[in-house]
Amino acid sequence: MLAEFKVRNYKNFRDELHFSLETGKNYEFNQEAVYNGIVKDAVVVGYNASGKTNLGLAIMDIIIHLTDKKVKRTKFYSNLYNQEDTVFFIYKFKFDSSLLEYAYEKKNPECVTRESVKIDGKKIIVNNEETCFVNLKGSETLNLNNWDRSISLIKYIYANTILDKENKECQVFLKFIKFVNQMLWFTSTDIFRVVGSPGSTTSGNMAEDICNMENGVKNLELFLRDVNLPFTLLEKETDEGKNIYCKMGSKEVPFAPLLSSGTRALVFLYLWYMQKDSFSFIFIDEFDAFYHTDLSIAVIRKLVAEKNLQVIFTTHNTDIISNELLRPDCYFILEDNTIQPFCDLTNKSLREAHNLQKMYKAGAFHE
């Protein structure tokens, strides 16, 4: 899982932003939201223009040069306030008991200028102007003379070596590559934008994609009922292809025209939820922009129940800030180029009975 992320000189993050998901808190409630000392399910709260969207896009930058996924390039890559054009990224991942740190620099989205990998503190890969080496069992015959420096050395190693899968460091490195390939960012506030999509699994037509899933329409009906939206749905073949219909009394009518903004966003979420086994990490930006509070809570609970999936939500909705849903080390405030969990923003020993929303509104978590 992602344990820590740092970025500097990216969009509105003028100085280094440090986002740590490591926690040593031993709360006895909502323990499923934390796994192996890492926050598995986090909610990031912040005002408009605080950088919530930019945080997600910065975290997802890693897929641009380490995967083959198509990503729409951002217009403003480096800091909007700084003339320096180099952007700095550091990721720390935790796999079982091992820590992998990946650091790199870029001057544009596609090309890495410096990068390094450490596993449990040991330098495994270094790529910079001064030196370049690989210390992974199975990479001994790797010919770096054929390496095009416009390609990440990490990606080149993965594509051109047969690593020793019995070696612990190789195992951690391969888990890292797999995790990055399974990262996803999406928002339903901006024409359902997606970063990290597998591509081949989606056509751009939600109804068609759902109909093409095994039991897709029936599972959508069950998904909506789980969050208290009791539609009766069916799949029908039309002149334009497969489509989703809804029973309204004795009538069967197309489902899409019935959708409110919130239900449409929820169907979009369902499309990715049904592919959850293909993802390790999902960042959902403004996930509940069109949801009622009860629906927002139901969605979080549904995703928290997924044990093998790390999820980060961003929101404006303070009504979901509650120990009944998560815990103080899972709620983060993003403001003034810093992001910190509630538990680190007060001297109080927070307990399950504390009303986190009331404390937040009263300014208890604002330094």
Protein backbone atom coordinates (compact mmCIF):
# COMPACT_ATOMS: atom_id res chain seq x y z
CA MET A 1 0.00 0.00 0.00
CA LEU A 2 0.95 3.63 -0.36
CA ALA A 3 2.46 4.67 2.98
CA GLU A 4 3.80 8.13 2.22
CA PHE A 5 3.90 10.68 -0.58
CA LYS A 6 5.87 13.88 -1.05
CA VAL A 7 5.72 16.38 -3.90
CA ARG A 8 7.30 19.77 -4.50
CA ASN A 9 6.86 22.39 -7.20
CA TYR A 10 3.73 20.77 -8.62
CA LYS A 11 0.83 23.06 -9.53
CA ASN A 12 -0.30 24.88 -6.35
CA PHE A 13 2.14 22.95 -4.11
CA ARG A 14 4.82 25.60 -3.99
CA ASP A 15 6.74 23.96 -1.14
CA GLU A 16 7.04 20.29 -0.29
CA LEU A 17 3.73 18.65 0.55
CA HIS A 18 4.13 15.62 2.84
CA PHE A 19 1.20 13.19 2.95
CA SER A 20 1.83 10.37 5.43
CA LEU A 21 -0.60 7.46 5.67
CA GLU A 22 1.46 5.70 8.33
CA THR A 23 -0.20 5.57 11.72
CA GLY A 24 0.78 4.31 15.13
CA LYS A 25 -2.61 4.97 16.69
CA ASN A 26 -4.32 2.03 18.37
CA TYR A 27 -7.96 3.02 18.21
CA GLU A 28 -10.20 0.12 19.11
CA PHE A 29 -12.96 1.19 16.72
CA ASN A 30 -13.14 1.01 12.90
CA GLN A 31 -9.92 -1.00 12.82
CA GLU A 32 -10.69 -2.24 9.30
CA ALA A 33 -9.78 1.24 7.97
CA VAL A 34 -6.12 0.61 8.84
CA TYR A 35 -3.99 -2.32 7.70
CA ASN A 36 -0.40 -3.14 8.63
CA GLY A 37 0.10 0.29 10.18
CA ILE A 38 -1.11 2.09 7.02
CA VAL A 39 -4.36 4.02 6.62
CA LYS A 40 -6.30 1.97 4.09
CA ASP A 41 -9.26 4.33 3.80
CA ALA A 42 -8.74 8.09 4.07
CA VAL A 43 -10.95 11.14 3.69
CA VAL A 44 -9.25 14.41 2.74
CA VAL A 45 -11.19 17.55 3.62
CA GLY A 46 -10.27 20.94 2.21
CA TYR A 47 -11.67 24.22 1.00
CA ASN A 48 -11.97 25.09 -2.68
CA ALA A 49 -8.55 25.60 -4.30
CA SER A 50 -6.78 23.94 -1.37
CA GLY A 51 -5.33 21.35 -3.76
CA LYS A 52 -7.46 18.23 -3.31
CA THR A 53 -7.65 17.51 -7.03
CA ASN A 54 -3.97 18.37 -7.51
CA LEU A 55 -3.06 15.97 -4.71
CA GLY A 56 -4.73 13.10 -6.54
CA LEU A 57 -3.18 14.02 -9.88
CA ALA A 58 0.25 14.35 -8.28
CA ILE A 59 -0.02 10.90 -6.71
CA MET A 60 -1.08 9.49 -10.08
CA ASP A 61 1.88 11.07 -11.90
CA ILE A 62 3.83 7.84 -11.36
CA ILE A 63 1.68 5.94 -13.86
CA ILE A 64 2.65 8.28 -16.71
CA HIS A 65 6.19 6.93 -17.03
CA LEU A 66 5.95 3.52 -15.34
CA THR A 67 2.91 2.11 -17.15
CA ASP A 68 1.55 1.96 -20.69
CA LYS A 69 -1.75 3.56 -19.75
CA LYS A 70 -2.86 6.54 -21.77
CA VAL A 71 -2.97 9.71 -19.70
CA LYS A 72 -4.17 13.11 -20.84
CA ARG A 73 -1.25 15.44 -20.19
CA THR A 74 -1.80 18.28 -17.78
CA LYS A 75 -1.54 21.79 -19.22
CA PHE A 76 0.22 23.26 -16.19
CA TYR A 77 2.77 20.77 -14.95
CA SER A 78 5.17 22.63 -12.69
CA ASN A 79 4.31 25.09 -9.95
CA LEU A 80 2.17 28.00 -11.09
CA TYR A 81 4.04 30.40 -8.80
CA ASN A 82 7.61 29.22 -9.30
CA GLN A 83 9.89 29.68 -12.29
CA GLU A 84 11.82 26.50 -11.45
CA ASP A 85 10.66 23.80 -13.84
CA THR A 86 11.75 20.64 -12.01
CA VAL A 87 9.09 18.73 -10.07
CA PHE A 88 10.10 16.41 -7.23
CA PHE A 89 8.22 13.27 -6.19
CA ILE A 90 8.87 10.73 -3.42
CA TYR A 91 6.68 7.67 -2.79
CA LYS A 92 6.98 5.15 0.00
CA PHE A 93 5.13 1.85 -0.32
CA LYS A 94 4.74 -0.89 2.28
CA PHE A 95 4.42 -4.51 1.20
CA ASP A 96 4.12 -6.87 4.17
CA SER A 97 7.10 -5.87 6.34
CA SER A 98 9.17 -4.28 3.55
CA LEU A 99 9.36 -0.61 2.59
CA LEU A 100 10.12 0.53 -0.95
CA GLU A 101 10.94 4.19 -1.61
CA TYR A 102 10.80 5.57 -5.13
CA ALA A 103 12.05 9.12 -5.76
CA TYR A 104 12.23 10.92 -9.09
CA GLU A 105 12.40 14.32 -10.76
CA LYS A 106 10.78 15.55 -13.95
CA LYS A 107 10.75 18.63 -16.13
CA ASN A 108 7.80 17.43 -18.16
CA PRO A 109 5.24 14.66 -17.58
CA GLU A 110 6.82 12.05 -19.83
CA CYS A 111 10.54 12.28 -19.11
CA VAL A 112 12.26 11.41 -15.82
CA THR A 113 15.57 13.21 -15.25
CA ARG A 114 16.60 11.46 -12.01
CA GLU A 115 15.19 8.45 -10.17
CA SER A 116 16.10 5.99 -7.45
CA VAL A 117 14.66 2.98 -5.65
CA LYS A 118 15.46 1.90 -2.11
CA ILE A 119 14.19 -1.28 -0.50
CA ASP A 120 14.39 -1.34 3.30
CA GLY A 121 16.92 1.49 3.13
CA LYS A 122 19.21 -0.19 0.60
CA LYS A 123 19.80 1.51 -2.76
CA ILE A 124 18.65 -0.87 -5.47
CA ILE A 125 18.40 1.37 -8.54
CA VAL A 126 19.97 4.76 -9.24
CA ASN A 127 19.58 6.83 -12.40
CA ASN A 128 21.07 10.32 -12.56
CA GLU A 129 23.63 12.32 -14.49
CA GLU A 130 26.50 11.11 -12.30
CA THR A 131 25.79 7.40 -12.07
CA CYS A 132 23.49 4.62 -13.12
CA PHE A 133 23.26 1.14 -11.60
CA VAL A 134 20.87 -1.72 -10.94
CA ASN A 135 21.25 -4.12 -8.03
CA LEU A 136 18.50 -6.69 -8.49
CA LYS A 137 19.10 -10.42 -8.76
CA GLY A 138 18.44 -11.35 -12.39
CA SER A 139 19.49 -8.00 -13.84
CA GLU A 140 23.20 -8.87 -14.12
CA THR A 141 23.07 -9.28 -17.91
CA LEU A 142 20.94 -6.19 -18.52
CA ASN A 143 22.45 -4.15 -21.36
CA LEU A 144 22.11 -0.48 -20.44
CA ASN A 145 23.68 0.53 -23.76
CA ASN A 146 20.34 -0.22 -25.40
CA TRP A 147 18.43 1.90 -22.90
CA ASP A 148 16.80 5.01 -24.33
CA ARG A 149 17.06 7.59 -21.52
CA SER A 150 13.70 9.05 -22.48
CA ILE A 151 12.25 5.89 -20.90
CA SER A 152 12.27 5.40 -17.14
CA LEU A 153 15.05 3.06 -16.06
CA ILE A 154 12.54 1.34 -13.77
CA LYS A 155 10.26 0.58 -16.70
CA TYR A 156 13.21 -0.56 -18.83
CA ILE A 157 14.40 -2.97 -16.12
CA TYR A 158 10.95 -4.49 -15.70
CA ALA A 159 10.51 -4.97 -19.47
CA ASN A 160 13.98 -6.39 -20.17
CA THR A 161 14.91 -8.63 -17.24
CA ILE A 162 13.76 -11.90 -15.76
CA LEU A 163 14.09 -11.17 -12.08
CA ASP A 164 14.63 -13.90 -9.48
CA LYS A 165 11.19 -14.32 -7.95
CA GLU A 166 12.68 -16.21 -5.02
CA ASN A 167 14.72 -13.16 -4.03
CA LYS A 168 13.00 -10.91 -1.47
CA GLU A 169 14.12 -7.62 -3.03
CA CYS A 170 12.90 -8.77 -6.44
CA GLN A 171 9.58 -9.78 -4.91
CA VAL A 172 9.14 -6.31 -3.38
CA PHE A 173 10.11 -4.61 -6.64
CA LEU A 174 7.58 -6.68 -8.62
CA LYS A 175 4.85 -5.93 -6.06
CA PHE A 176 5.64 -2.24 -6.51
CA ILE A 177 5.28 -2.46 -10.30
CA LYS A 178 2.00 -4.35 -9.95
CA PHE A 179 0.63 -1.84 -7.45
CA VAL A 180 1.42 1.13 -9.70
CA ASN A 181 -0.22 -0.60 -12.68
CA GLN A 182 -3.37 -0.99 -10.59
CA MET A 183 -3.76 2.65 -9.47
CA LEU A 184 -6.88 4.59 -10.48
CA TRP A 185 -8.06 8.21 -10.09
CA PHE A 186 -11.49 9.40 -11.09
CA THR A 187 -14.01 12.15 -10.50
CA SER A 188 -17.67 12.46 -11.44
CA THR A 189 -17.70 16.26 -11.24
CA ASP A 190 -15.93 16.89 -14.55
CA ILE A 191 -17.55 14.75 -17.26
CA PHE A 192 -16.53 11.58 -15.43
CA ARG A 193 -12.78 12.01 -15.86
CA VAL A 194 -10.55 8.98 -15.27
CA VAL A 195 -6.79 8.54 -14.87
CA GLY A 196 -5.40 5.01 -14.75
CA SER A 197 -8.19 3.22 -16.56
CA PRO A 198 -7.24 -0.15 -18.05
CA GLY A 199 -8.79 1.21 -21.25
CA SER A 200 -9.85 -2.05 -22.86
CA THR A 201 -12.53 -2.63 -20.23
CA THR A 202 -14.45 0.56 -20.94
CA SER A 203 -16.07 1.89 -24.11
CA GLY A 204 -17.11 5.31 -22.84
CA ASN A 205 -20.76 4.24 -22.82
CA MET A 206 -21.70 3.34 -19.24
CA ALA A 207 -24.85 1.42 -20.12
CA GLU A 208 -23.01 -0.63 -22.76
CA ASP A 209 -20.10 -1.35 -20.40
CA ILE A 210 -22.46 -2.50 -17.65
CA CYS A 211 -24.48 -4.70 -20.02
CA ASN A 212 -21.25 -6.32 -21.21
CA MET A 213 -20.33 -7.34 -17.67
CA GLU A 214 -21.41 -10.73 -16.40
CA ASN A 215 -24.69 -10.08 -14.53
CA GLY A 216 -23.82 -6.39 -14.83
CA VAL A 217 -27.37 -5.02 -14.77
CA LYS A 218 -28.51 -7.33 -11.96
CA ASN A 219 -25.46 -6.42 -9.89
CA LEU A 220 -26.11 -2.73 -10.53
CA GLU A 221 -29.60 -3.18 -9.15
CA LEU A 222 -28.17 -4.87 -6.04
CA PHE A 223 -25.51 -2.17 -5.68
CA LEU A 224 -28.13 0.58 -5.77
CA ARG A 225 -30.34 -1.26 -3.31
CA ASP A 226 -27.38 -1.55 -0.92
CA VAL A 227 -27.27 2.25 -0.79
CA ASN A 228 -31.06 2.55 -0.46
CA LEU A 229 -31.98 3.22 -4.10
CA PRO A 230 -34.50 0.43 -4.87
CA PHE A 231 -34.69 0.42 -8.67
CA THR A 232 -35.86 -2.64 -10.61
CA LEU A 233 -33.62 -2.92 -13.65
CA LEU A 234 -33.42 -5.11 -16.71
CA GLU A 235 -31.29 -5.38 -19.84
CA LYS A 236 -32.92 -4.97 -23.25
CA GLU A 237 -31.64 -5.24 -26.80
CA THR A 238 -32.46 -2.14 -28.87
CA ASP A 239 -31.68 -0.96 -32.39
CA GLU A 240 -28.68 0.90 -30.94
CA GLY A 241 -27.47 -2.14 -28.99
CA LYS A 242 -27.85 -3.25 -25.39
CA ASN A 243 -29.36 -0.79 -22.92
CA ILE A 244 -30.56 -0.62 -19.32
CA TYR A 245 -34.26 -0.22 -18.62
CA CYS A 246 -36.17 0.38 -15.41
CA LYS A 247 -39.56 -0.97 -14.40
CA MET A 248 -41.97 1.82 -13.45
CA GLY A 249 -45.24 0.16 -12.52
CA SER A 250 -46.34 -1.75 -15.60
CA LYS A 251 -43.95 0.18 -17.87
CA GLU A 252 -40.35 -0.45 -18.86
CA VAL A 253 -38.52 2.79 -19.60
CA PRO A 254 -34.89 3.65 -20.44
CA PHE A 255 -32.92 4.09 -17.23
CA ALA A 256 -30.55 6.90 -18.28
CA PRO A 257 -33.18 9.68 -18.62
CA LEU A 258 -34.36 8.92 -15.07
CA LEU A 259 -30.98 9.51 -13.49
CA SER A 260 -30.38 12.45 -11.23
CA SER A 261 -26.83 13.87 -11.03
CA GLY A 262 -26.25 11.85 -7.86
CA THR A 263 -27.54 8.57 -9.26
CA ARG A 264 -25.56 9.06 -12.47
CA ALA A 265 -22.40 9.60 -10.40
CA LEU A 266 -23.25 6.49 -8.41
CA VAL A 267 -23.65 4.38 -11.57
CA PHE A 268 -20.24 5.67 -12.67
CA LEU A 269 -18.81 4.58 -9.32
CA TYR A 270 -20.44 1.15 -9.76
CA LEU A 271 -18.69 0.75 -13.12
CA TRP A 272 -15.31 0.95 -11.34
CA TYR A 273 -16.47 -0.87 -8.22
CA MET A 274 -17.24 -3.95 -10.29
CA GLN A 275 -13.63 -3.90 -11.51
CA LYS A 276 -12.24 -3.49 -7.99
CA ASP A 277 -10.21 -6.69 -8.21
CA SER A 278 -8.19 -5.01 -10.97
CA PHE A 279 -7.13 -2.15 -8.70
CA SER A 280 -4.87 -1.76 -5.69
CA PHE A 281 -5.47 1.94 -5.06
CA ILE A 282 -8.33 4.30 -5.95
CA PHE A 283 -8.36 8.07 -5.46
CA ILE A 284 -11.93 9.42 -5.79
CA ASP A 285 -11.94 13.19 -6.11
CA GLU A 286 -15.04 14.99 -4.73
CA PHE A 287 -16.63 11.56 -4.56
CA ASP A 288 -19.89 12.82 -3.05
CA ALA A 289 -20.37 16.13 -4.87
CA PHE A 290 -23.85 15.00 -5.96
CA TYR A 291 -24.69 12.72 -3.03
CA HIS A 292 -26.96 13.11 -0.03
CA THR A 293 -25.03 12.60 3.23
CA ASP A 294 -26.63 9.20 3.91
CA LEU A 295 -25.57 8.05 0.45
CA SER A 296 -22.02 9.31 1.01
CA ILE A 297 -21.79 7.33 4.23
CA ALA A 298 -23.16 4.19 2.56
CA VAL A 299 -20.59 4.47 -0.26
CA ILE A 300 -17.67 4.85 2.15
CA ARG A 301 -18.82 1.86 4.20
CA LYS A 302 -19.11 -0.24 1.06
CA LEU A 303 -15.57 0.57 -0.07
CA VAL A 304 -14.05 0.27 3.41
CA ALA A 305 -15.31 -3.31 3.44
CA GLU A 306 -12.98 -4.12 0.52
CA LYS A 307 -9.91 -5.54 2.30
CA ASN A 308 -7.51 -5.51 -0.66
CA LEU A 309 -8.22 -1.99 -1.84
CA GLN A 310 -6.72 1.28 -0.59
CA VAL A 311 -9.09 4.22 -1.14
CA ILE A 312 -8.66 7.96 -0.70
CA PHE A 313 -11.74 10.19 -0.89
CA THR A 314 -11.83 13.99 -1.12
CA THR A 315 -14.89 15.93 -0.01
CA HIS A 316 -16.42 19.21 1.14
CA ASN A 317 -19.09 17.42 3.17
CA THR A 318 -18.36 17.77 6.89
CA ASP A 319 -21.37 15.60 7.77
CA ILE A 320 -19.34 12.47 6.99
CA ILE A 321 -16.68 13.40 9.57
CA SER A 322 -17.54 10.92 12.29
CA ASN A 323 -15.93 8.23 14.41
CA GLU A 324 -18.95 6.09 13.57
CA LEU A 325 -17.64 5.89 10.02
CA LEU A 326 -13.84 6.04 10.26
CA ARG A 327 -11.38 7.27 12.94
CA PRO A 328 -9.28 10.38 13.67
CA ASP A 329 -6.17 9.10 11.87
CA CYS A 330 -8.20 8.51 8.67
CA TYR A 331 -9.50 12.09 8.32
CA PHE A 332 -7.05 14.63 6.89
CA ILE A 333 -7.16 18.40 6.46
CA LEU A 334 -5.46 19.88 3.40
CA GLU A 335 -4.70 23.59 3.64
CA ASP A 336 -1.77 25.97 3.21
CA ASN A 337 0.39 23.35 1.48
CA THR A 338 0.12 20.90 4.39
CA ILE A 339 -1.95 17.78 4.93
CA GLN A 340 -2.32 16.24 8.37
CA PRO A 341 -4.68 13.80 10.13
CA PHE A 342 -7.08 15.11 12.73
CA CYS A 343 -5.30 13.17 15.47
CA ASP A 344 -2.10 15.18 14.93
CA LEU A 345 -3.88 18.55 15.00
CA THR A 346 -5.02 18.51 18.61
CA ASN A 347 -3.51 17.84 22.00
CA LYS A 348 -6.66 16.00 23.05
CA SER A 349 -6.65 12.24 23.26
CA LEU A 350 -9.45 11.58 20.82
CA ARG A 351 -11.88 8.83 21.72
CA GLU A 352 -14.78 7.17 19.97
CA ALA A 353 -17.29 9.38 21.80
CA HIS A 354 -15.80 12.62 20.46
CA ASN A 355 -17.87 14.49 17.88
CA LEU A 356 -15.26 15.06 15.18
CA GLN A 357 -17.54 17.15 12.98
CA LYS A 358 -18.38 19.53 15.82
CA MET A 359 -14.70 19.84 16.71
CA TYR A 360 -13.78 20.49 13.06
CA LYS A 361 -16.40 23.24 12.69
CA ALA A 362 -15.25 24.81 15.96
CA GLY A 363 -11.70 25.03 14.59
CA ALA A 364 -10.20 22.44 16.94
CA PHE A 365 -8.13 20.97 14.12
CA HIS A 366 -6.90 24.25 12.64
CA GLU A 367 -3.51 25.28 13.93
